[in-house]
């Protein structure tokens, strides 16, 4: 245990020793960050649309199937909350993208 190895685990990326994020002289590529946040913003928007569509689908099923209406209403509410969360994530990423764009303009 003379030397502890430091590994950084992220959701999909794993950085090993010497592969620190932004290790190229401490410079940050803001154009790349802007593209990244734009992509995540679009995914958040798509998630909101999909969850909203599922909520509408479950609302329709609750009307058509009165025997299991309570279960459909629960699924509808869960989907509505998921849509709200995805929309919030898209909004957050929109602001992250704007910050990256502002930093990129300041660097040029």
PDB file of N, CA and C in Angstrom:
ATOM      1  N   UNK A   1       0.818  -1.173   0.000  1.00  0.00           N
ATOM      2  CA  UNK A   1       0.000   0.000   0.000  1.00  0.00           C
ATOM      3  C   UNK A   1       0.867   1.244   0.000  1.00  0.00           C
ATOM      4  N   UNK A   2       1.989   1.150  -0.639  1.00  0.00           N
ATOM      5  CA  UNK A   2       2.881   2.298  -0.706  1.00  0.00           C
ATOM      6  C   UNK A   2       2.288   3.395  -1.576  1.00  0.00           C
ATOM      7  N   UNK A   3       1.542   2.995  -2.573  1.00  0.00           N
ATOM      8  CA  UNK A   3       0.974   3.983  -3.494  1.00  0.00           C
ATOM      9  C   UNK A   3      -0.473   3.614  -3.793  1.00  0.00           C
ATOM     10  N   UNK A   4      -1.377   4.543  -3.512  1.00  0.00           N
ATOM     11  CA  UNK A   4      -2.781   4.288  -3.797  1.00  0.00           C
ATOM     12  C   UNK A   4      -3.096   4.759  -5.199  1.00  0.00           C
ATOM     13  N   UNK A   5      -3.778   3.909  -5.949  1.00  0.00           N
ATOM     14  CA  UNK A   5      -4.174   4.299  -7.299  1.00  0.00           C
ATOM     15  C   UNK A   5      -5.494   5.056  -7.216  1.00  0.00           C
ATOM     16  N   UNK A   6      -5.586   6.097  -7.992  1.00  0.00           N
ATOM     17  CA  UNK A   6      -6.757   6.958  -7.977  1.00  0.00           C
ATOM     18  C   UNK A   6      -7.534   6.761  -9.276  1.00  0.00           C
ATOM     19  N   UNK A   7      -8.724   6.234  -9.173  1.00  0.00           N
ATOM     20  CA  UNK A   7      -9.583   6.033 -10.337  1.00  0.00           C
ATOM     21  C   UNK A   7     -10.823   6.882 -10.158  1.00  0.00           C
ATOM     22  N   UNK A   8     -11.212   7.547 -11.224  1.00  0.00           N
ATOM     23  CA  UNK A   8     -12.421   8.334 -11.202  1.00  0.00           C
ATOM     24  C   UNK A   8     -13.468   7.604 -12.028  1.00  0.00           C
ATOM     25  N   UNK A   9     -14.586   7.329 -11.412  1.00  0.00           N
ATOM     26  CA  UNK A   9     -15.664   6.654 -12.116  1.00  0.00           C
ATOM     27  C   UNK A   9     -16.767   7.659 -12.402  1.00  0.00           C
ATOM     28  N   UNK A  10     -17.158   7.740 -13.639  1.00  0.00           N
ATOM     29  CA  UNK A  10     -18.286   8.551 -14.038  1.00  0.00           C
ATOM     30  C   UNK A  10     -19.335   7.614 -14.587  1.00  0.00           C
ATOM     31  N   UNK A  11     -20.421   8.166 -15.021  1.00  0.00           N
ATOM     32  CA  UNK A  11     -21.518   7.321 -15.464  1.00  0.00           C
ATOM     33  C   UNK A  11     -21.106   6.377 -16.592  1.00  0.00           C
ATOM     34  N   UNK A  12     -20.451   6.907 -17.633  1.00  0.00           N
ATOM     35  CA  UNK A  12     -20.060   6.056 -18.748  1.00  0.00           C
ATOM     36  C   UNK A  12     -18.565   6.092 -19.031  1.00  0.00           C
ATOM     37  N   UNK A  13     -17.847   6.958 -18.355  1.00  0.00           N
ATOM     38  CA  UNK A  13     -16.427   7.110 -18.641  1.00  0.00           C
ATOM     39  C   UNK A  13     -15.618   6.778 -17.405  1.00  0.00           C
ATOM     40  N   UNK A  14     -14.455   6.255 -17.623  1.00  0.00           N
ATOM     41  CA  UNK A  14     -13.582   5.913 -16.523  1.00  0.00           C
ATOM     42  C   UNK A  14     -12.218   6.531 -16.795  1.00  0.00           C
ATOM     43  N   UNK A  15     -11.757   7.367 -15.884  1.00  0.00           N
ATOM     44  CA  UNK A  15     -10.458   8.009 -16.030  1.00  0.00           C
ATOM     45  C   UNK A  15      -9.449   7.264 -15.171  1.00  0.00           C
ATOM     46  N   UNK A  16      -8.333   6.914 -15.783  1.00  0.00           N
ATOM     47  CA  UNK A  16      -7.268   6.236 -15.063  1.00  0.00           C
ATOM     48  C   UNK A  16      -6.202   7.251 -14.688  1.00  0.00           C
ATOM     49  N   UNK A  17      -5.139   6.794 -14.036  1.00  0.00           N
ATOM     50  CA  UNK A  17      -4.060   7.701 -13.649  1.00  0.00           C
ATOM     51  C   UNK A  17      -3.515   8.421 -14.865  1.00  0.00           C
ATOM     52  N   UNK A  18      -3.333   9.726 -14.751  1.00  0.00           N
ATOM     53  CA  UNK A  18      -2.766  10.505 -15.842  1.00  0.00           C
ATOM     54  C   UNK A  18      -3.761  10.877 -16.917  1.00  0.00           C
ATOM     55  N   UNK A  19      -4.996  10.427 -16.793  1.00  0.00           N
ATOM     56  CA  UNK A  19      -6.019  10.736 -17.791  1.00  0.00           C
ATOM     57  C   UNK A  19      -7.066  11.666 -17.194  1.00  0.00           C
ATOM     58  N   UNK A  20      -6.626  12.613 -16.405  1.00  0.00           N
ATOM     59  CA  UNK A  20      -7.559  13.524 -15.767  1.00  0.00           C
ATOM     60  C   UNK A  20      -8.292  14.351 -16.803  1.00  0.00           C
ATOM     61  N   UNK A  21      -9.493  14.736 -16.462  1.00  0.00           N
ATOM     62  CA  UNK A  21     -10.320  15.534 -17.354  1.00  0.00           C
ATOM     63  C   UNK A  21      -9.681  16.903 -17.515  1.00  0.00           C
ATOM     64  N   UNK A  22      -9.526  17.348 -18.746  1.00  0.00           N
ATOM     65  CA  UNK A  22      -8.917  18.643 -19.003  1.00  0.00           C
ATOM     66  C   UNK A  22      -7.427  18.654 -18.731  1.00  0.00           C
ATOM     67  N   UNK A  23      -6.745  17.536 -18.907  1.00  0.00           N
ATOM     68  CA  UNK A  23      -5.328  17.444 -18.570  1.00  0.00           C
ATOM     69  C   UNK A  23      -4.422  18.052 -19.642  1.00  0.00           C
ATOM     70  N   UNK A  24      -4.978  18.529 -20.737  1.00  0.00           N
ATOM     71  CA  UNK A  24      -4.178  19.114 -21.819  1.00  0.00           C
ATOM     72  C   UNK A  24      -3.815  20.557 -21.474  1.00  0.00           C
ATOM     73  N   UNK A  25      -2.964  20.732 -20.501  1.00  0.00           N
ATOM     74  CA  UNK A  25      -2.515  22.058 -20.135  1.00  0.00           C
ATOM     75  C   UNK A  25      -3.545  22.858 -19.361  1.00  0.00           C
ATOM     76  N   UNK A  26      -4.557  22.222 -18.823  1.00  0.00           N
ATOM     77  CA  UNK A  26      -5.563  22.909 -18.048  1.00  0.00           C
ATOM     78  C   UNK A  26      -6.570  23.678 -18.885  1.00  0.00           C
ATOM     79  N   UNK A  27      -6.537  23.534 -20.206  1.00  0.00           N
ATOM     80  CA  UNK A  27      -7.481  24.236 -21.067  1.00  0.00           C
ATOM     81  C   UNK A  27      -8.764  23.424 -21.209  1.00  0.00           C
ATOM     82  N   UNK A  28      -9.853  24.145 -21.291  1.00  0.00           N
ATOM     83  CA  UNK A  28     -11.149  23.499 -21.450  1.00  0.00           C
ATOM     84  C   UNK A  28     -11.683  23.854 -22.831  1.00  0.00           C
ATOM     85  N   UNK A  29     -12.139  22.856 -23.545  1.00  0.00           N
ATOM     86  CA  UNK A  29     -12.705  23.057 -24.880  1.00  0.00           C
ATOM     87  C   UNK A  29     -14.192  23.379 -24.716  1.00  0.00           C
ATOM     88  N   UNK A  30     -14.507  24.677 -24.713  1.00  0.00           N
ATOM     89  CA  UNK A  30     -15.884  25.096 -24.456  1.00  0.00           C
ATOM     90  C   UNK A  30     -16.811  24.776 -25.613  1.00  0.00           C
ATOM     91  N   UNK A  31     -16.285  24.719 -26.833  1.00  0.00           N
ATOM     92  CA  UNK A  31     -17.138  24.326 -27.956  1.00  0.00           C
ATOM     93  C   UNK A  31     -17.597  22.884 -27.791  1.00  0.00           C
ATOM     94  N   UNK A  32     -16.686  22.042 -27.303  1.00  0.00           N
ATOM     95  CA  UNK A  32     -17.031  20.642 -27.076  1.00  0.00           C
ATOM     96  C   UNK A  32     -18.064  20.526 -25.942  1.00  0.00           C
ATOM     97  N   UNK A  33     -17.882  21.333 -24.892  1.00  0.00           N
ATOM     98  CA  UNK A  33     -18.841  21.319 -23.789  1.00  0.00           C
ATOM     99  C   UNK A  33     -20.212  21.804 -24.261  1.00  0.00           C
ATOM    100  N   UNK A  34     -20.203  22.814 -25.126  1.00  0.00           N
ATOM    101  CA  UNK A  34     -21.461  23.342 -25.648  1.00  0.00           C
ATOM    102  C   UNK A  34     -22.208  22.264 -26.436  1.00  0.00           C
ATOM    103  N   UNK A  35     -21.484  21.534 -27.290  1.00  0.00           N
ATOM    104  CA  UNK A  35     -22.100  20.450 -28.065  1.00  0.00           C
ATOM    105  C   UNK A  35     -22.648  19.361 -27.143  1.00  0.00           C
ATOM    106  N   UNK A  36     -21.872  19.059 -26.094  1.00  0.00           N
ATOM    107  CA  UNK A  36     -22.263  18.021 -25.149  1.00  0.00           C
ATOM    108  C   UNK A  36     -23.566  18.409 -24.447  1.00  0.00           C
ATOM    109  N   UNK A  37     -23.647  19.643 -23.965  1.00  0.00           N
ATOM    110  CA  UNK A  37     -24.841  20.082 -23.259  1.00  0.00           C
ATOM    111  C   UNK A  37     -26.032  20.220 -24.207  1.00  0.00           C
ATOM    112  N   UNK A  38     -25.763  20.574 -25.466  1.00  0.00           N
ATOM    113  CA  UNK A  38     -26.844  20.648 -26.452  1.00  0.00           C
ATOM    114  C   UNK A  38     -27.438  19.259 -26.673  1.00  0.00           C
ATOM    115  N   UNK A  39     -26.573  18.265 -26.763  1.00  0.00           N
ATOM    116  CA  UNK A  39     -27.020  16.887 -26.954  1.00  0.00           C
ATOM    117  C   UNK A  39     -27.857  16.432 -25.756  1.00  0.00           C
ATOM    118  N   UNK A  40     -27.384  16.720 -24.550  1.00  0.00           N
ATOM    119  CA  UNK A  40     -28.131  16.318 -23.360  1.00  0.00           C
ATOM    120  C   UNK A  40     -29.455  17.071 -23.254  1.00  0.00           C
ATOM    121  N   UNK A  41     -29.458  18.331 -23.678  1.00  0.00           N
ATOM    122  CA  UNK A  41     -30.705  19.104 -23.678  1.00  0.00           C
ATOM    123  C   UNK A  41     -31.728  18.462 -24.609  1.00  0.00           C
ATOM    124  N   UNK A  42     -31.276  18.049 -25.779  1.00  0.00           N
ATOM    125  CA  UNK A  42     -32.179  17.407 -26.728  1.00  0.00           C
ATOM    126  C   UNK A  42     -32.689  16.077 -26.192  1.00  0.00           C
ATOM    127  N   UNK A  43     -31.828  15.312 -25.530  1.00  0.00           N
ATOM    128  CA  UNK A  43     -32.270  14.043 -24.946  1.00  0.00           C
ATOM    129  C   UNK A  43     -33.291  14.273 -23.840  1.00  0.00           C
ATOM    130  N   UNK A  44     -33.074  15.316 -23.037  1.00  0.00           N
ATOM    131  CA  UNK A  44     -34.042  15.646 -21.994  1.00  0.00           C
ATOM    132  C   UNK A  44     -35.389  16.014 -22.580  1.00  0.00           C
ATOM    133  N   UNK A  45     -35.375  16.777 -23.670  1.00  0.00           N
ATOM    134  CA  UNK A  45     -36.620  17.147 -24.339  1.00  0.00           C
ATOM    135  C   UNK A  45     -37.343  15.936 -24.899  1.00  0.00           C
ATOM    136  N   UNK A  46     -36.586  15.029 -25.490  1.00  0.00           N
ATOM    137  CA  UNK A  46     -37.196  13.804 -26.025  1.00  0.00           C
ATOM    138  C   UNK A  46     -37.779  12.946 -24.904  1.00  0.00           C
ATOM    139  N   UNK A  47     -37.076  12.891 -23.784  1.00  0.00           N
ATOM    140  CA  UNK A  47     -37.594  12.140 -22.639  1.00  0.00           C
ATOM    141  C   UNK A  47     -38.884  12.734 -22.116  1.00  0.00           C
ATOM    142  N   UNK A  48     -38.950  14.062 -22.086  1.00  0.00           N
ATOM    143  CA  UNK A  48     -40.171  14.736 -21.630  1.00  0.00           C
ATOM    144  C   UNK A  48     -41.330  14.441 -22.573  1.00  0.00           C
ATOM    145  N   UNK A  49     -41.064  14.474 -23.871  1.00  0.00           N
ATOM    146  CA  UNK A  49     -42.114  14.189 -24.852  1.00  0.00           C
ATOM    147  C   UNK A  49     -42.602  12.743 -24.715  1.00  0.00           C
ATOM    148  N   UNK A  50     -41.660  11.815 -24.582  1.00  0.00           N
ATOM    149  CA  UNK A  50     -42.031  10.401 -24.477  1.00  0.00           C
ATOM    150  C   UNK A  50     -42.829  10.129 -23.204  1.00  0.00           C
ATOM    151  N   UNK A  51     -42.393  10.682 -22.086  1.00  0.00           N
ATOM    152  CA  UNK A  51     -43.106  10.451 -20.828  1.00  0.00           C
ATOM    153  C   UNK A  51     -44.479  11.114 -20.858  1.00  0.00           C
ATOM    154  N   UNK A  52     -44.569  12.288 -21.465  1.00  0.00           N
ATOM    155  CA  UNK A  52     -45.863  12.950 -21.594  1.00  0.00           C
ATOM    156  C   UNK A  52     -46.823  12.152 -22.455  1.00  0.00           C
ATOM    157  N   UNK A  53     -46.307  11.593 -23.531  1.00  0.00           N
ATOM    158  CA  UNK A  53     -47.149  10.768 -24.406  1.00  0.00           C
ATOM    159  C   UNK A  53     -47.638   9.526 -23.667  1.00  0.00           C
ATOM    160  N   UNK A  54     -46.781   8.935 -22.856  1.00  0.00           N
ATOM    161  CA  UNK A  54     -47.186   7.757 -22.091  1.00  0.00           C
ATOM    162  C   UNK A  54     -48.244   8.127 -21.053  1.00  0.00           C
ATOM    163  N   UNK A  55     -48.114   9.315 -20.441  1.00  0.00           N
ATOM    164  CA  UNK A  55     -49.118   9.762 -19.465  1.00  0.00           C
ATOM    165  C   UNK A  55     -50.476   9.924 -20.140  1.00  0.00           C
ATOM    166  N   UNK A  56     -50.487  10.505 -21.338  1.00  0.00           N
ATOM    167  CA  UNK A  56     -51.746  10.669 -22.076  1.00  0.00           C
ATOM    168  C   UNK A  56     -52.328   9.308 -22.438  1.00  0.00           C
ATOM    169  N   UNK A  57     -51.453   8.380 -22.818  1.00  0.00           N
ATOM    170  CA  UNK A  57     -51.889   7.021 -23.163  1.00  0.00           C
ATOM    171  C   UNK A  57     -52.548   6.351 -21.948  1.00  0.00           C
ATOM    172  N   UNK A  58     -51.933   6.500 -20.780  1.00  0.00           N
ATOM    173  CA  UNK A  58     -52.494   5.874 -19.581  1.00  0.00           C
ATOM    174  C   UNK A  58     -53.797   6.544 -19.157  1.00  0.00           C
ATOM    175  N   UNK A  59     -53.907   7.846 -19.371  1.00  0.00           N
ATOM    176  CA  UNK A  59     -55.161   8.538 -19.061  1.00  0.00           C
ATOM    177  C   UNK A  59     -56.286   7.987 -19.930  1.00  0.00           C
ATOM    178  N   UNK A  60     -55.989   7.759 -21.191  1.00  0.00           N
ATOM    179  CA  UNK A  60     -56.969   7.179 -22.121  1.00  0.00           C
ATOM    180  C   UNK A  60     -57.357   5.766 -21.676  1.00  0.00           C
ATOM    181  N   UNK A  61     -56.353   4.982 -21.264  1.00  0.00           N
ATOM    182  CA  UNK A  61     -56.635   3.603 -20.840  1.00  0.00           C
ATOM    183  C   UNK A  61     -57.477   3.579 -19.568  1.00  0.00           C
ATOM    184  N   UNK A  62     -57.271   4.575 -18.690  1.00  0.00           N
ATOM    185  CA  UNK A  62     -58.073   4.639 -17.462  1.00  0.00           C
ATOM    186  C   UNK A  62     -59.537   4.872 -17.790  1.00  0.00           C
ATOM    187  N   UNK A  63     -59.817   5.667 -18.816  1.00  0.00           N
ATOM    188  CA  UNK A  63     -61.207   5.916 -19.219  1.00  0.00           C
ATOM    189  C   UNK A  63     -61.821   4.692 -19.880  1.00  0.00           C
ATOM    190  N   UNK A  64     -61.017   3.985 -20.677  1.00  0.00           N
ATOM    191  CA  UNK A  64     -61.532   2.846 -21.436  1.00  0.00           C
ATOM    192  C   UNK A  64     -61.656   1.570 -20.594  1.00  0.00           C
ATOM    193  N   UNK A  65     -60.882   1.486 -19.517  1.00  0.00           N
ATOM    194  CA  UNK A  65     -60.840   0.264 -18.707  1.00  0.00           C
ATOM    195  C   UNK A  65     -61.174   0.619 -17.254  1.00  0.00           C
ATOM    196  N   UNK A  66     -62.452   0.809 -16.933  1.00  0.00           N
ATOM    197  CA  UNK A  66     -62.814   1.244 -15.581  1.00  0.00           C
ATOM    198  C   UNK A  66     -62.461   0.225 -14.495  1.00  0.00           C
ATOM    199  N   UNK A  67     -62.351  -1.034 -14.883  1.00  0.00           N
ATOM    200  CA  UNK A  67     -62.014  -2.074 -13.910  1.00  0.00           C
ATOM    201  C   UNK A  67     -60.607  -1.873 -13.328  1.00  0.00           C
ATOM    202  N   UNK A  68     -59.677  -1.443 -14.160  1.00  0.00           N
ATOM    203  CA  UNK A  68     -58.289  -1.227 -13.740  1.00  0.00           C
ATOM    204  C   UNK A  68     -57.908   0.255 -13.785  1.00  0.00           C
ATOM    205  N   UNK A  69     -58.881   1.121 -13.638  1.00  0.00           N
ATOM    206  CA  UNK A  69     -58.650   2.556 -13.785  1.00  0.00           C
ATOM    207  C   UNK A  69     -57.661   3.085 -12.750  1.00  0.00           C
ATOM    208  N   UNK A  70     -57.736   2.578 -11.526  1.00  0.00           N
ATOM    209  CA  UNK A  70     -56.843   3.087 -10.482  1.00  0.00           C
ATOM    210  C   UNK A  70     -55.373   2.840 -10.848  1.00  0.00           C
ATOM    211  N   UNK A  71     -55.070   1.670 -11.339  1.00  0.00           N
ATOM    212  CA  UNK A  71     -53.697   1.367 -11.749  1.00  0.00           C
ATOM    213  C   UNK A  71     -53.231   2.249 -12.899  1.00  0.00           C
ATOM    214  N   UNK A  72     -54.135   2.512 -13.830  1.00  0.00           N
ATOM    215  CA  UNK A  72     -53.780   3.377 -14.953  1.00  0.00           C
ATOM    216  C   UNK A  72     -53.563   4.815 -14.496  1.00  0.00           C
ATOM    217  N   UNK A  73     -54.357   5.264 -13.511  1.00  0.00           N
ATOM    218  CA  UNK A  73     -54.174   6.622 -12.999  1.00  0.00           C
ATOM    219  C   UNK A  73     -52.834   6.762 -12.278  1.00  0.00           C
ATOM    220  N   UNK A  74     -52.422   5.724 -11.566  1.00  0.00           N
ATOM    221  CA  UNK A  74     -51.121   5.747 -10.891  1.00  0.00           C
ATOM    222  C   UNK A  74     -50.003   5.829 -11.926  1.00  0.00           C
ATOM    223  N   UNK A  75     -50.093   5.000 -12.966  1.00  0.00           N
ATOM    224  CA  UNK A  75     -49.086   5.026 -14.029  1.00  0.00           C
ATOM    225  C   UNK A  75     -49.071   6.376 -14.727  1.00  0.00           C
ATOM    226  N   UNK A  76     -50.246   6.968 -14.897  1.00  0.00           N
ATOM    227  CA  UNK A  76     -50.330   8.297 -15.527  1.00  0.00           C
ATOM    228  C   UNK A  76     -49.596   9.341 -14.686  1.00  0.00           C
ATOM    229  N   UNK A  77     -49.794   9.304 -13.383  1.00  0.00           N
ATOM    230  CA  UNK A  77     -49.136  10.274 -12.504  1.00  0.00           C
ATOM    231  C   UNK A  77     -47.623  10.084 -12.483  1.00  0.00           C
ATOM    232  N   UNK A  78     -47.182   8.843 -12.464  1.00  0.00           N
ATOM    233  CA  UNK A  78     -45.743   8.565 -12.484  1.00  0.00           C
ATOM    234  C   UNK A  78     -45.129   9.071 -13.789  1.00  0.00           C
ATOM    235  N   UNK A  79     -45.804   8.836 -14.893  1.00  0.00           N
ATOM    236  CA  UNK A  79     -45.308   9.308 -16.186  1.00  0.00           C
ATOM    237  C   UNK A  79     -45.293  10.831 -16.241  1.00  0.00           C
ATOM    238  N   UNK A  80     -46.287  11.475 -15.632  1.00  0.00           N
ATOM    239  CA  UNK A  80     -46.324  12.941 -15.619  1.00  0.00           C
ATOM    240  C   UNK A  80     -45.156  13.494 -14.802  1.00  0.00           C
ATOM    241  N   UNK A  81     -44.850  12.865 -13.693  1.00  0.00           N
ATOM    242  CA  UNK A  81     -43.706  13.301 -12.881  1.00  0.00           C
ATOM    243  C   UNK A  81     -42.402  13.074 -13.640  1.00  0.00           C
ATOM    244  N   UNK A  82     -42.289  11.970 -14.349  1.00  0.00           N
ATOM    245  CA  UNK A  82     -41.099  11.704 -15.156  1.00  0.00           C
ATOM    246  C   UNK A  82     -40.947  12.747 -16.257  1.00  0.00           C
ATOM    247  N   UNK A  83     -42.058  13.135 -16.865  1.00  0.00           N
ATOM    248  CA  UNK A  83     -42.016  14.159 -17.911  1.00  0.00           C
ATOM    249  C   UNK A  83     -41.559  15.488 -17.330  1.00  0.00           C
ATOM    250  N   UNK A  84     -42.043  15.821 -16.150  1.00  0.00           N
ATOM    251  CA  UNK A  84     -41.639  17.059 -15.497  1.00  0.00           C
ATOM    252  C   UNK A  84     -40.148  17.034 -15.158  1.00  0.00           C
ATOM    253  N   UNK A  85     -39.672  15.902 -14.668  1.00  0.00           N
ATOM    254  CA  UNK A  85     -38.241  15.771 -14.356  1.00  0.00           C
ATOM    255  C   UNK A  85     -37.381  15.885 -15.602  1.00  0.00           C
ATOM    256  N   UNK A  86     -37.795  15.262 -16.675  1.00  0.00           N
ATOM    257  CA  UNK A  86     -37.034  15.335 -17.924  1.00  0.00           C
ATOM    258  C   UNK A  86     -37.022  16.754 -18.483  1.00  0.00           C
ATOM    259  N   UNK A  87     -38.150  17.448 -18.351  1.00  0.00           N
ATOM    260  CA  UNK A  87     -38.206  18.841 -18.814  1.00  0.00           C
ATOM    261  C   UNK A  87     -37.292  19.716 -17.964  1.00  0.00           C
ATOM    262  N   UNK A  88     -37.251  19.459 -16.670  1.00  0.00           N
ATOM    263  CA  UNK A  88     -36.344  20.199 -15.788  1.00  0.00           C
ATOM    264  C   UNK A  88     -34.897  19.942 -16.143  1.00  0.00           C
ATOM    265  N   UNK A  89     -34.577  18.700 -16.472  1.00  0.00           N
ATOM    266  CA  UNK A  89     -33.215  18.365 -16.884  1.00  0.00           C
ATOM    267  C   UNK A  89     -32.846  19.082 -18.179  1.00  0.00           C
ATOM    268  N   UNK A  90     -33.783  19.119 -19.134  1.00  0.00           N
ATOM    269  CA  UNK A  90     -33.536  19.816 -20.395  1.00  0.00           C
ATOM    270  C   UNK A  90     -33.317  21.303 -20.143  1.00  0.00           C
ATOM    271  N   UNK A  91     -34.091  21.890 -19.242  1.00  0.00           N
ATOM    272  CA  UNK A  91     -33.941  23.301 -18.893  1.00  0.00           C
ATOM    273  C   UNK A  91     -32.570  23.562 -18.264  1.00  0.00           C
ATOM    274  N   UNK A  92     -32.158  22.666 -17.367  1.00  0.00           N
ATOM    275  CA  UNK A  92     -30.841  22.773 -16.732  1.00  0.00           C
ATOM    276  C   UNK A  92     -29.728  22.706 -17.783  1.00  0.00           C
ATOM    277  N   UNK A  93     -29.818  21.765 -18.694  1.00  0.00           N
ATOM    278  CA  UNK A  93     -28.799  21.614 -19.727  1.00  0.00           C
ATOM    279  C   UNK A  93     -28.793  22.801 -20.681  1.00  0.00           C
ATOM    280  N   UNK A  94     -29.954  23.406 -20.904  1.00  0.00           N
ATOM    281  CA  UNK A  94     -30.018  24.603 -21.747  1.00  0.00           C
ATOM    282  C   UNK A  94     -29.170  25.713 -21.124  1.00  0.00           C
ATOM    283  N   UNK A  95     -29.271  25.863 -19.809  1.00  0.00           N
ATOM    284  CA  UNK A  95     -28.481  26.897 -19.148  1.00  0.00           C
ATOM    285  C   UNK A  95     -26.998  26.544 -19.105  1.00  0.00           C
ATOM    286  N   UNK A  96     -26.680  25.281 -18.974  1.00  0.00           N
ATOM    287  CA  UNK A  96     -25.278  24.849 -19.030  1.00  0.00           C
ATOM    288  C   UNK A  96     -24.695  25.141 -20.409  1.00  0.00           C
ATOM    289  N   UNK A  97     -25.497  24.908 -21.447  1.00  0.00           N
ATOM    290  CA  UNK A  97     -25.065  25.169 -22.818  1.00  0.00           C
ATOM    291  C   UNK A  97     -24.819  26.663 -23.014  1.00  0.00           C
ATOM    292  N   UNK A  98     -25.705  27.493 -22.476  1.00  0.00           N
ATOM    293  CA  UNK A  98     -25.539  28.937 -22.586  1.00  0.00           C
ATOM    294  C   UNK A  98     -24.258  29.396 -21.882  1.00  0.00           C
ATOM    295  N   UNK A  99     -23.958  28.816 -20.713  1.00  0.00           N
ATOM    296  CA  UNK A  99     -22.726  29.175 -20.007  1.00  0.00           C
ATOM    297  C   UNK A  99     -21.497  28.775 -20.808  1.00  0.00           C
ATOM    298  N   UNK A 100     -21.519  27.589 -21.395  1.00  0.00           N
ATOM    299  CA  UNK A 100     -20.379  27.137 -22.203  1.00  0.00           C
ATOM    300  C   UNK A 100     -20.205  28.036 -23.418  1.00  0.00           C
ATOM    301  N   UNK A 101     -21.316  28.454 -24.017  1.00  0.00           N
ATOM    302  CA  UNK A 101     -21.254  29.335 -25.170  1.00  0.00           C
ATOM    303  C   UNK A 101     -20.665  30.686 -24.791  1.00  0.00           C
ATOM    304  N   UNK A 102     -21.049  31.186 -23.610  1.00  0.00           N
ATOM    305  CA  UNK A 102     -20.543  32.472 -23.123  1.00  0.00           C
ATOM    306  C   UNK A 102     -19.036  32.390 -22.859  1.00  0.00           C
ATOM    307  N   UNK A 103     -18.586  31.274 -22.274  1.00  0.00           N
ATOM    308  CA  UNK A 103     -17.159  31.085 -22.002  1.00  0.00           C
ATOM    309  C   UNK A 103     -16.380  30.939 -23.298  1.00  0.00           C
ATOM    310  N   UNK A 104     -16.977  30.266 -24.282  1.00  0.00           N
ATOM    311  CA  UNK A 104     -16.308  30.089 -25.562  1.00  0.00           C
ATOM    312  C   UNK A 104     -16.125  31.439 -26.267  1.00  0.00           C
ATOM    313  N   UNK A 105     -17.137  32.280 -26.166  1.00  0.00           N
ATOM    314  CA  UNK A 105     -17.049  33.608 -26.787  1.00  0.00           C
ATOM    315  C   UNK A 105     -16.012  34.473 -26.070  1.00  0.00           C
ATOM    316  N   UNK A 106     -15.900  34.309 -24.757  1.00  0.00           N
ATOM    317  CA  UNK A 106     -14.938  35.087 -23.982  1.00  0.00           C
ATOM    318  C   UNK A 106     -13.501  34.644 -24.278  1.00  0.00           C
ATOM    319  N   UNK A 107     -13.302  33.379 -24.599  1.00  0.00           N
ATOM    320  CA  UNK A 107     -11.954  32.871 -24.887  1.00  0.00           C
ATOM    321  C   UNK A 107     -11.463  33.308 -26.255  1.00  0.00           C
ATOM    322  N   UNK A 108     -12.368  33.579 -27.179  1.00  0.00           N
ATOM    323  CA  UNK A 108     -11.976  33.954 -28.542  1.00  0.00           C
ATOM    324  C   UNK A 108     -11.707  35.389 -28.655  1.00  0.00           C
TER     325      UNK A 108
END
